[in-house]
Amino acid sequence: MATKIPSAQRRLFKNLFFCKVCKQKIRVDNSKILAGKVSCRRCKSKSFRAVRKK
């Protein structure tokens, strides 16, 4: 089995969230998402989910 490269894992998963309404990707800090300070650029929604790791 192949080993996971830390820099690639960080690039693909760290601070990356998807809008639950329009599926737009946004890279922002976890604490801002939890505080509700971030809104989607496209649809202005405030509901986000984290990236699903395979």
Protein backbone atom coordinates (compact mmCIF):
# COMPACT_ATOMS: atom_id res chain seq x y z
CA MET A 1 0.00 0.00 0.00
CA ALA A 2 1.26 3.46 -0.85
CA THR A 3 2.29 5.86 1.90
CA LYS A 4 0.43 9.14 2.27
CA ILE A 5 2.38 12.29 1.53
CA PRO A 6 1.80 14.85 4.31
CA SER A 7 2.02 17.91 2.06
CA ALA A 8 -0.58 16.46 -0.32
CA GLN A 9 -2.91 15.51 2.56
CA ARG A 10 -2.64 19.05 3.92
CA ARG A 11 -3.38 20.57 0.50
CA LEU A 12 -6.41 18.34 -0.11
CA PHE A 13 -8.08 18.37 3.32
CA LYS A 14 -6.86 21.17 5.63
CA ASN A 15 -9.34 24.02 6.13
CA LEU A 16 -11.39 23.02 3.09
CA PHE A 17 -15.19 23.16 3.29
CA PHE A 18 -18.10 22.80 0.87
CA CYS A 19 -21.30 24.82 0.87
CA LYS A 20 -24.25 22.53 1.57
CA VAL A 21 -26.53 24.48 -0.78
CA CYS A 22 -24.49 25.14 -3.95
CA LYS A 23 -21.43 22.83 -3.41
CA GLN A 24 -18.93 25.70 -3.72
CA LYS A 25 -15.46 25.01 -2.26
CA ILE A 26 -14.02 27.46 0.25
CA ARG A 27 -10.77 27.34 2.23
CA VAL A 28 -11.16 28.94 5.63
CA ASP A 29 -10.18 28.32 9.26
CA ASN A 30 -12.30 25.88 11.32
CA SER A 31 -12.99 28.41 14.07
CA LYS A 32 -14.56 30.88 11.63
CA ILE A 33 -16.89 28.18 10.29
CA LEU A 34 -17.97 27.20 13.81
CA ALA A 35 -18.51 30.84 14.79
CA GLY A 36 -20.68 31.42 11.72
CA LYS A 37 -18.56 34.30 10.42
CA VAL A 38 -18.18 32.85 6.90
CA SER A 39 -20.77 32.94 4.15
CA CYS A 40 -20.66 31.34 0.71
CA ARG A 41 -19.41 33.60 -2.05
CA ARG A 42 -21.93 32.28 -4.54
CA CYS A 43 -25.22 31.82 -2.63
CA LYS A 44 -24.53 33.65 0.69
CA SER A 45 -25.45 30.56 2.74
CA LYS A 46 -23.72 29.91 6.08
CA SER A 47 -24.04 26.12 6.13
CA PHE A 48 -20.83 24.25 5.32
CA ARG A 49 -19.51 20.71 5.58
CA ALA A 50 -15.96 19.37 5.70
CA VAL A 51 -14.34 17.40 2.88
CA ARG A 52 -15.05 13.66 2.98
CA LYS A 53 -11.81 11.71 3.27
CA LYS A 54 -11.64 8.53 1.20
